[in-house]
Amino acid sequence: MQESERPEATRAHGTAAEDGADELSSGGVADVELLFDALTVPAMRVEAERVFERAAARGLFGEREAVAVLERRRVAALVAAGDRLHHAGA
């Protein structure tokens, strides 16, 4: 929802979690990736959890997008571990 489409009271008094969930594009894997990154930052964790929960509740992304991000992160971790093992053995 665009800022101009939001009711006046909400525009003036919306929480950061509401604003963050409103700004997520529908079904964006990149949005889920950013939220997962924010969850790893201690200072951002609580707000990121709120945005994540609101976005999921609104259907802005689904299980498929979340699983895709988690799988990509797992593969990246495995590749990095394999590289470390390869370089340690060389």
PDB file of N, CA and C in Angstrom:
ATOM      1  N   MET A   1       0.853  -1.169   0.000  1.00  0.00           N
ATOM      2  CA  MET A   1       0.000   0.000   0.000  1.00  0.00           C
ATOM      3  C   MET A   1       0.895   1.226   0.000  1.00  0.00           C
ATOM      4  N   GLN A   2       0.636   2.144  -0.871  1.00  0.00           N
ATOM      5  CA  GLN A   2       1.408   3.372  -0.968  1.00  0.00           C
ATOM      6  C   GLN A   2       1.032   4.324   0.154  1.00  0.00           C
ATOM      7  N   GLU A   3       1.970   5.187   0.521  1.00  0.00           N
ATOM      8  CA  GLU A   3       1.735   6.160   1.592  1.00  0.00           C
ATOM      9  C   GLU A   3       0.474   6.957   1.339  1.00  0.00           C
ATOM     10  N   SER A   4       0.235   7.376   0.095  1.00  0.00           N
ATOM     11  CA  SER A   4      -0.930   8.196  -0.213  1.00  0.00           C
ATOM     12  C   SER A   4      -2.247   7.423  -0.099  1.00  0.00           C
ATOM     13  N   GLU A   5      -2.189   6.086  -0.135  1.00  0.00           N
ATOM     14  CA  GLU A   5      -3.391   5.269  -0.054  1.00  0.00           C
ATOM     15  C   GLU A   5      -3.766   4.936   1.387  1.00  0.00           C
ATOM     16  N   ARG A   6      -2.842   5.139   2.320  1.00  0.00           N
ATOM     17  CA  ARG A   6      -3.098   4.797   3.709  1.00  0.00           C
ATOM     18  C   ARG A   6      -3.963   5.868   4.358  1.00  0.00           C
ATOM     19  N   PRO A   7      -4.833   5.463   5.275  1.00  0.00           N
ATOM     20  CA  PRO A   7      -5.640   6.458   5.995  1.00  0.00           C
ATOM     21  C   PRO A   7      -4.737   7.445   6.720  1.00  0.00           C
ATOM     22  N   GLU A   8      -5.202   8.677   6.871  1.00  0.00           N
ATOM     23  CA  GLU A   8      -4.398   9.745   7.468  1.00  0.00           C
ATOM     24  C   GLU A   8      -3.841   9.354   8.835  1.00  0.00           C
ATOM     25  N   ALA A   9      -4.664   8.786   9.703  1.00  0.00           N
ATOM     26  CA  ALA A   9      -4.208   8.427  11.045  1.00  0.00           C
ATOM     27  C   ALA A   9      -3.098   7.389  10.988  1.00  0.00           C
ATOM     28  N   THR A  10      -3.210   6.437  10.080  1.00  0.00           N
ATOM     29  CA  THR A  10      -2.198   5.397   9.958  1.00  0.00           C
ATOM     30  C   THR A  10      -0.901   5.976   9.417  1.00  0.00           C
ATOM     31  N   ARG A  11      -1.001   6.891   8.457  1.00  0.00           N
ATOM     32  CA  ARG A  11       0.198   7.520   7.916  1.00  0.00           C
ATOM     33  C   ARG A  11       0.970   8.238   9.007  1.00  0.00           C
ATOM     34  N   ALA A  12       0.264   8.903   9.869  1.00  0.00           N
ATOM     35  CA  ALA A  12       0.925   9.690  10.893  1.00  0.00           C
ATOM     36  C   ALA A  12       1.418   8.835  12.051  1.00  0.00           C
ATOM     37  N   HIS A  13       0.738   7.721  12.342  1.00  0.00           N
ATOM     38  CA  HIS A  13       1.033   6.989  13.557  1.00  0.00           C
ATOM     39  C   HIS A  13       1.373   5.521  13.327  1.00  0.00           C
ATOM     40  N   GLY A  14       1.623   5.084  12.112  1.00  0.00           N
ATOM     41  CA  GLY A  14       1.932   3.686  11.852  1.00  0.00           C
ATOM     42  C   GLY A  14       3.253   3.293  12.493  1.00  0.00           C
ATOM     43  N   THR A  15       3.343   2.045  12.942  1.00  0.00           N
ATOM     44  CA  THR A  15       4.597   1.579  13.530  1.00  0.00           C
ATOM     45  C   THR A  15       5.571   1.232  12.417  1.00  0.00           C
ATOM     46  N   ALA A  16       6.819   1.097  12.789  1.00  0.00           N
ATOM     47  CA  ALA A  16       7.822   0.713  11.805  1.00  0.00           C
ATOM     48  C   ALA A  16       7.511  -0.667  11.235  1.00  0.00           C
ATOM     49  N   ALA A  17       6.978  -1.562  12.079  1.00  0.00           N
ATOM     50  CA  ALA A  17       6.630  -2.895  11.595  1.00  0.00           C
ATOM     51  C   ALA A  17       5.521  -2.825  10.557  1.00  0.00           C
ATOM     52  N   GLU A  18       4.527  -1.974  10.800  1.00  0.00           N
ATOM     53  CA  GLU A  18       3.452  -1.820   9.815  1.00  0.00           C
ATOM     54  C   GLU A  18       3.990  -1.219   8.531  1.00  0.00           C
ATOM     55  N   ASP A  19       4.817  -0.191   8.664  1.00  0.00           N
ATOM     56  CA  ASP A  19       5.379   0.448   7.485  1.00  0.00           C
ATOM     57  C   ASP A  19       6.250  -0.527   6.705  1.00  0.00           C
ATOM     58  N   GLY A  20       7.048  -1.331   7.400  1.00  0.00           N
ATOM     59  CA  GLY A  20       7.911  -2.296   6.728  1.00  0.00           C
ATOM     60  C   GLY A  20       7.114  -3.350   5.995  1.00  0.00           C
ATOM     61  N   ALA A  21       6.053  -3.851   6.628  1.00  0.00           N
ATOM     62  CA  ALA A  21       5.221  -4.863   5.985  1.00  0.00           C
ATOM     63  C   ALA A  21       4.492  -4.274   4.787  1.00  0.00           C
ATOM     64  N   ASP A  22       4.077  -3.014   4.881  1.00  0.00           N
ATOM     65  CA  ASP A  22       3.397  -2.366   3.762  1.00  0.00           C
ATOM     66  C   ASP A  22       4.319  -2.195   2.562  1.00  0.00           C
ATOM     67  N   GLU A  23       5.608  -2.015   2.807  1.00  0.00           N
ATOM     68  CA  GLU A  23       6.539  -1.735   1.726  1.00  0.00           C
ATOM     69  C   GLU A  23       7.039  -2.982   1.023  1.00  0.00           C
ATOM     70  N   LEU A  24       6.808  -4.160   1.592  1.00  0.00           N
ATOM     71  CA  LEU A  24       7.246  -5.385   0.936  1.00  0.00           C
ATOM     72  C   LEU A  24       6.461  -5.597  -0.344  1.00  0.00           C
ATOM     73  N   SER A  25       7.153  -5.983  -1.381  1.00  0.00           N
ATOM     74  CA  SER A  25       6.452  -6.289  -2.619  1.00  0.00           C
ATOM     75  C   SER A  25       5.846  -7.678  -2.508  1.00  0.00           C
ATOM     76  N   SER A  26       4.789  -7.914  -3.200  1.00  0.00           N
ATOM     77  CA  SER A  26       4.080  -9.176  -3.112  1.00  0.00           C
ATOM     78  C   SER A  26       4.942 -10.320  -3.628  1.00  0.00           C
ATOM     79  N   GLY A  27       5.189 -11.305  -2.742  1.00  0.00           N
ATOM     80  CA  GLY A  27       5.885 -12.507  -3.150  1.00  0.00           C
ATOM     81  C   GLY A  27       7.350 -12.344  -3.456  1.00  0.00           C
ATOM     82  N   GLY A  28       7.992 -11.328  -2.931  1.00  0.00           N
ATOM     83  CA  GLY A  28       9.383 -11.079  -3.272  1.00  0.00           C
ATOM     84  C   GLY A  28      10.360 -11.898  -2.458  1.00  0.00           C
ATOM     85  N   VAL A  29      11.093 -12.788  -3.127  1.00  0.00           N
ATOM     86  CA  VAL A  29      12.125 -13.575  -2.464  1.00  0.00           C
ATOM     87  C   VAL A  29      13.199 -12.638  -1.919  1.00  0.00           C
ATOM     88  N   ALA A  30      13.498 -11.571  -2.635  1.00  0.00           N
ATOM     89  CA  ALA A  30      14.499 -10.610  -2.164  1.00  0.00           C
ATOM     90  C   ALA A  30      14.049  -9.967  -0.857  1.00  0.00           C
ATOM     91  N   ASP A  31      12.760  -9.711  -0.706  1.00  0.00           N
ATOM     92  CA  ASP A  31      12.243  -9.145   0.535  1.00  0.00           C
ATOM     93  C   ASP A  31      12.431 -10.119   1.694  1.00  0.00           C
ATOM     94  N   VAL A  32      12.182 -11.382   1.448  1.00  0.00           N
ATOM     95  CA  VAL A  32      12.358 -12.395   2.487  1.00  0.00           C
ATOM     96  C   VAL A  32      13.836 -12.487   2.853  1.00  0.00           C
ATOM     97  N   GLU A  33      14.693 -12.438   1.856  1.00  0.00           N
ATOM     98  CA  GLU A  33      16.145 -12.481   2.086  1.00  0.00           C
ATOM     99  C   GLU A  33      16.576 -11.315   2.978  1.00  0.00           C
ATOM    100  N   LEU A  34      16.080 -10.126   2.693  1.00  0.00           N
ATOM    101  CA  LEU A  34      16.416  -8.956   3.512  1.00  0.00           C
ATOM    102  C   LEU A  34      15.907  -9.107   4.941  1.00  0.00           C
ATOM    103  N   LEU A  35      14.713  -9.632   5.093  1.00  0.00           N
ATOM    104  CA  LEU A  35      14.188  -9.844   6.438  1.00  0.00           C
ATOM    105  C   LEU A  35      15.033 -10.858   7.201  1.00  0.00           C
ATOM    106  N   PHE A  36      15.452 -11.941   6.545  1.00  0.00           N
ATOM    107  CA  PHE A  36      16.305 -12.922   7.210  1.00  0.00           C
ATOM    108  C   PHE A  36      17.632 -12.281   7.613  1.00  0.00           C
ATOM    109  N   ASP A  37      18.178 -11.437   6.744  1.00  0.00           N
ATOM    110  CA  ASP A  37      19.413 -10.720   7.092  1.00  0.00           C
ATOM    111  C   ASP A  37      19.189  -9.833   8.311  1.00  0.00           C
ATOM    112  N   ALA A  38      18.072  -9.125   8.344  1.00  0.00           N
ATOM    113  CA  ALA A  38      17.772  -8.244   9.472  1.00  0.00           C
ATOM    114  C   ALA A  38      17.607  -9.034  10.768  1.00  0.00           C
ATOM    115  N   LEU A  39      17.103 -10.253  10.666  1.00  0.00           N
ATOM    116  CA  LEU A  39      16.940 -11.089  11.861  1.00  0.00           C
ATOM    117  C   LEU A  39      18.279 -11.455  12.495  1.00  0.00           C
ATOM    118  N   THR A  40      19.361 -11.402  11.740  1.00  0.00           N
ATOM    119  CA  THR A  40      20.684 -11.753  12.269  1.00  0.00           C
ATOM    120  C   THR A  40      21.374 -10.572  12.938  1.00  0.00           C
ATOM    121  N   VAL A  41      20.797  -9.380  12.825  1.00  0.00           N
ATOM    122  CA  VAL A  41      21.376  -8.189  13.436  1.00  0.00           C
ATOM    123  C   VAL A  41      20.671  -7.963  14.778  1.00  0.00           C
ATOM    124  N   PRO A  42      21.393  -8.102  15.882  1.00  0.00           N
ATOM    125  CA  PRO A  42      20.741  -8.003  17.198  1.00  0.00           C
ATOM    126  C   PRO A  42      19.913  -6.727  17.386  1.00  0.00           C
ATOM    127  N   ALA A  43      20.400  -5.605  16.934  1.00  0.00           N
ATOM    128  CA  ALA A  43      19.678  -4.343  17.128  1.00  0.00           C
ATOM    129  C   ALA A  43      18.400  -4.263  16.298  1.00  0.00           C
ATOM    130  N   MET A  44      18.282  -5.080  15.270  1.00  0.00           N
ATOM    131  CA  MET A  44      17.125  -5.039  14.371  1.00  0.00           C
ATOM    132  C   MET A  44      16.185  -6.224  14.565  1.00  0.00           C
ATOM    133  N   ARG A  45      16.576  -7.180  15.378  1.00  0.00           N
ATOM    134  CA  ARG A  45      15.859  -8.451  15.453  1.00  0.00           C
ATOM    135  C   ARG A  45      14.380  -8.306  15.816  1.00  0.00           C
ATOM    136  N   VAL A  46      14.057  -7.557  16.858  1.00  0.00           N
ATOM    137  CA  VAL A  46      12.665  -7.457  17.311  1.00  0.00           C
ATOM    138  C   VAL A  46      11.805  -6.819  16.222  1.00  0.00           C
ATOM    139  N   GLU A  47      12.276  -5.734  15.645  1.00  0.00           N
ATOM    140  CA  GLU A  47      11.497  -5.060  14.598  1.00  0.00           C
ATOM    141  C   GLU A  47      11.385  -5.948  13.360  1.00  0.00           C
ATOM    142  N   ALA A  48      12.451  -6.653  13.011  1.00  0.00           N
ATOM    143  CA  ALA A  48      12.421  -7.552  11.855  1.00  0.00           C
ATOM    144  C   ALA A  48      11.433  -8.694  12.079  1.00  0.00           C
ATOM    145  N   GLU A  49      11.376  -9.208  13.308  1.00  0.00           N
ATOM    146  CA  GLU A  49      10.402 -10.260  13.624  1.00  0.00           C
ATOM    147  C   GLU A  49       8.982  -9.756  13.414  1.00  0.00           C
ATOM    148  N   ARG A  50       8.715  -8.538  13.865  1.00  0.00           N
ATOM    149  CA  ARG A  50       7.377  -7.962  13.706  1.00  0.00           C
ATOM    150  C   ARG A  50       7.021  -7.795  12.226  1.00  0.00           C
ATOM    151  N   VAL A  51       7.955  -7.264  11.455  1.00  0.00           N
ATOM    152  CA  VAL A  51       7.702  -7.076  10.023  1.00  0.00           C
ATOM    153  C   VAL A  51       7.478  -8.422   9.352  1.00  0.00           C
ATOM    154  N   PHE A  52       8.322  -9.408   9.696  1.00  0.00           N
ATOM    155  CA  PHE A  52       8.208 -10.745   9.118  1.00  0.00           C
ATOM    156  C   PHE A  52       6.840 -11.346   9.420  1.00  0.00           C
ATOM    157  N   GLU A  53       6.426 -11.269  10.691  1.00  0.00           N
ATOM    158  CA  GLU A  53       5.131 -11.835  11.085  1.00  0.00           C
ATOM    159  C   GLU A  53       3.974 -11.139  10.374  1.00  0.00           C
ATOM    160  N   ARG A  54       4.013  -9.810  10.308  1.00  0.00           N
ATOM    161  CA  ARG A  54       2.931  -9.067   9.655  1.00  0.00           C
ATOM    162  C   ARG A  54       2.886  -9.380   8.150  1.00  0.00           C
ATOM    163  N   ALA A  55       4.044  -9.433   7.538  1.00  0.00           N
ATOM    164  CA  ALA A  55       4.085  -9.710   6.102  1.00  0.00           C
ATOM    165  C   ALA A  55       3.570 -11.112   5.808  1.00  0.00           C
ATOM    166  N   ALA A  56       3.972 -12.084   6.620  1.00  0.00           N
ATOM    167  CA  ALA A  56       3.502 -13.461   6.423  1.00  0.00           C
ATOM    168  C   ALA A  56       1.990 -13.541   6.649  1.00  0.00           C
ATOM    169  N   ALA A  57       1.508 -12.870   7.686  1.00  0.00           N
ATOM    170  CA  ALA A  57       0.068 -12.889   7.987  1.00  0.00           C
ATOM    171  C   ALA A  57      -0.745 -12.256   6.864  1.00  0.00           C
ATOM    172  N   ARG A  58      -0.187 -11.260   6.213  1.00  0.00           N
ATOM    173  CA  ARG A  58      -0.878 -10.586   5.108  1.00  0.00           C
ATOM    174  C   ARG A  58      -0.737 -11.343   3.784  1.00  0.00           C
ATOM    175  N   GLY A  59       0.054 -12.394   3.791  1.00  0.00           N
ATOM    176  CA  GLY A  59       0.242 -13.165   2.571  1.00  0.00           C
ATOM    177  C   GLY A  59       1.162 -12.504   1.562  1.00  0.00           C
ATOM    178  N   LEU A  60       2.048 -11.614   2.033  1.00  0.00           N
ATOM    179  CA  LEU A  60       2.959 -10.930   1.118  1.00  0.00           C
ATOM    180  C   LEU A  60       4.048 -11.852   0.600  1.00  0.00           C
ATOM    181  N   PHE A  61       4.273 -12.941   1.297  1.00  0.00           N
ATOM    182  CA  PHE A  61       5.125 -14.010   0.802  1.00  0.00           C
ATOM    183  C   PHE A  61       4.635 -15.293   1.446  1.00  0.00           C
ATOM    184  N   GLY A  62       4.998 -16.394   0.853  1.00  0.00           N
ATOM    185  CA  GLY A  62       4.517 -17.673   1.350  1.00  0.00           C
ATOM    186  C   GLY A  62       5.643 -18.591   1.746  1.00  0.00           C
ATOM    187  N   GLU A  63       5.243 -19.790   2.040  1.00  0.00           N
ATOM    188  CA  GLU A  63       6.204 -20.802   2.461  1.00  0.00           C
ATOM    189  C   GLU A  63       7.247 -21.059   1.381  1.00  0.00           C
ATOM    190  N   ARG A  64       6.826 -21.035   0.134  1.00  0.00           N
ATOM    191  CA  ARG A  64       7.743 -21.321  -0.972  1.00  0.00           C
ATOM    192  C   ARG A  64       8.903 -20.328  -1.002  1.00  0.00           C
ATOM    193  N   GLU A  65       8.594 -19.041  -0.820  1.00  0.00           N
ATOM    194  CA  GLU A  65       9.647 -18.024  -0.844  1.00  0.00           C
ATOM    195  C   GLU A  65      10.595 -18.188   0.344  1.00  0.00           C
ATOM    196  N   ALA A  66      10.031 -18.453   1.524  1.00  0.00           N
ATOM    197  CA  ALA A  66      10.860 -18.632   2.713  1.00  0.00           C
ATOM    198  C   ALA A  66      11.761 -19.859   2.564  1.00  0.00           C
ATOM    199  N   VAL A  67      11.208 -20.944   2.058  1.00  0.00           N
ATOM    200  CA  VAL A  67      12.000 -22.165   1.861  1.00  0.00           C
ATOM    201  C   VAL A  67      13.087 -21.925   0.811  1.00  0.00           C
ATOM    202  N   ALA A  68      12.778 -21.213  -0.257  1.00  0.00           N
ATOM    203  CA  ALA A  68      13.777 -20.926  -1.290  1.00  0.00           C
ATOM    204  C   ALA A  68      14.965 -20.167  -0.706  1.00  0.00           C
ATOM    205  N   VAL A  69      14.674 -19.192   0.139  1.00  0.00           N
ATOM    206  CA  VAL A  69      15.746 -18.415   0.764  1.00  0.00           C
ATOM    207  C   VAL A  69      16.568 -19.300   1.700  1.00  0.00           C
ATOM    208  N   LEU A  70      15.894 -20.103   2.522  1.00  0.00           N
ATOM    209  CA  LEU A  70      16.615 -20.981   3.441  1.00  0.00           C
ATOM    210  C   LEU A  70      17.470 -22.002   2.696  1.00  0.00           C
ATOM    211  N   GLU A  71      16.946 -22.555   1.609  1.00  0.00           N
ATOM    212  CA  GLU A  71      17.724 -23.512   0.814  1.00  0.00           C
ATOM    213  C   GLU A  71      18.944 -22.843   0.190  1.00  0.00           C
ATOM    214  N   ARG A  72      18.760 -21.646  -0.337  1.00  0.00           N
ATOM    215  CA  ARG A  72      19.877 -20.920  -0.946  1.00  0.00           C
ATOM    216  C   ARG A  72      20.963 -20.636   0.095  1.00  0.00           C
ATOM    217  N   ARG A  73      20.536 -20.239   1.293  1.00  0.00           N
ATOM    218  CA  ARG A  73      21.504 -19.968   2.360  1.00  0.00           C
ATOM    219  C   ARG A  73      22.228 -21.246   2.773  1.00  0.00           C
ATOM    220  N   ARG A  74      21.511 -22.351   2.848  1.00  0.00           N
ATOM    221  CA  ARG A  74      22.133 -23.626   3.226  1.00  0.00           C
ATOM    222  C   ARG A  74      23.152 -24.065   2.185  1.00  0.00           C
ATOM    223  N   VAL A  75      22.808 -23.952   0.926  1.00  0.00           N
ATOM    224  CA  VAL A  75      23.733 -24.318  -0.146  1.00  0.00           C
ATOM    225  C   VAL A  75      24.979 -23.430  -0.089  1.00  0.00           C
ATOM    226  N   ALA A  76      24.785 -22.142   0.120  1.00  0.00           N
ATOM    227  CA  ALA A  76      25.921 -21.217   0.205  1.00  0.00           C
ATOM    228  C   ALA A  76      26.833 -21.591   1.372  1.00  0.00           C
ATOM    229  N   ALA A  77      26.230 -21.981   2.504  1.00  0.00           N
ATOM    230  CA  ALA A  77      27.028 -22.383   3.664  1.00  0.00           C
ATOM    231  C   ALA A  77      27.811 -23.667   3.372  1.00  0.00           C
ATOM    232  N   LEU A  78      27.172 -24.615   2.685  1.00  0.00           N
ATOM    233  CA  LEU A  78      27.854 -25.865   2.332  1.00  0.00           C
ATOM    234  C   LEU A  78      28.999 -25.626   1.350  1.00  0.00           C
ATOM    235  N   VAL A  79      28.785 -24.764   0.384  1.00  0.00           N
ATOM    236  CA  VAL A  79      29.834 -24.437  -0.579  1.00  0.00           C
ATOM    237  C   VAL A  79      31.001 -23.759   0.132  1.00  0.00           C
ATOM    238  N   ALA A  80      30.694 -22.833   1.021  1.00  0.00           N
ATOM    239  CA  ALA A  80      31.746 -22.138   1.761  1.00  0.00           C
ATOM    240  C   ALA A  80      32.533 -23.121   2.624  1.00  0.00           C
ATOM    241  N   ALA A  81      31.833 -24.065   3.275  1.00  0.00           N
ATOM    242  CA  ALA A  81      32.505 -25.067   4.102  1.00  0.00           C
ATOM    243  C   ALA A  81      33.383 -25.962   3.233  1.00  0.00           C
ATOM    244  N   GLY A  82      32.887 -26.339   2.070  1.00  0.00           N
ATOM    245  CA  GLY A  82      33.673 -27.152   1.153  1.00  0.00           C
ATOM    246  C   GLY A  82      34.914 -26.423   0.671  1.00  0.00           C
ATOM    247  N   ASP A  83      34.782 -25.142   0.401  1.00  0.00           N
ATOM    248  CA  ASP A  83      35.929 -24.346  -0.009  1.00  0.00           C
ATOM    249  C   ASP A  83      36.976 -24.270   1.094  1.00  0.00           C
ATOM    250  N   ARG A  84      36.516 -24.102   2.329  1.00  0.00           N
ATOM    251  CA  ARG A  84      37.448 -24.031   3.461  1.00  0.00           C
ATOM    252  C   ARG A  84      38.183 -25.364   3.604  1.00  0.00           C
ATOM    253  N   LEU A  85      37.468 -26.467   3.474  1.00  0.00           N
ATOM    254  CA  LEU A  85      38.103 -27.779   3.573  1.00  0.00           C
ATOM    255  C   LEU A  85      39.102 -27.993   2.446  1.00  0.00           C
ATOM    256  N   HIS A  86      38.741 -27.572   1.246  1.00  0.00           N
ATOM    257  CA  HIS A  86      39.617 -27.724   0.086  1.00  0.00           C
ATOM    258  C   HIS A  86      40.910 -26.935   0.267  1.00  0.00           C
ATOM    259  N   HIS A  87      40.766 -25.698   0.738  1.00  0.00           N
ATOM    260  CA  HIS A  87      41.944 -24.843   0.924  1.00  0.00           C
ATOM    261  C   HIS A  87      42.772 -25.283   2.111  1.00  0.00           C
ATOM    262  N   ALA A  88      42.167 -25.860   3.129  1.00  0.00           N
ATOM    263  CA  ALA A  88      42.905 -26.335   4.291  1.00  0.00           C
ATOM    264  C   ALA A  88      43.729 -27.587   3.938  1.00  0.00           C
ATOM    265  N   GLY A  89      43.192 -28.392   3.010  1.00  0.00           N
ATOM    266  CA  GLY A  89      43.889 -29.614   2.610  1.00  0.00           C
ATOM    267  C   GLY A  89      44.957 -29.388   1.561  1.00  0.00           C
ATOM    268  N   ALA A  90      44.972 -28.212   0.953  1.00  0.00           N
ATOM    269  CA  ALA A  90      45.921 -27.941  -0.132  1.00  0.00           C
ATOM    270  C   ALA A  90      47.276 -27.563   0.377  1.00  0.00           C
TER     271      ALA A  90
END
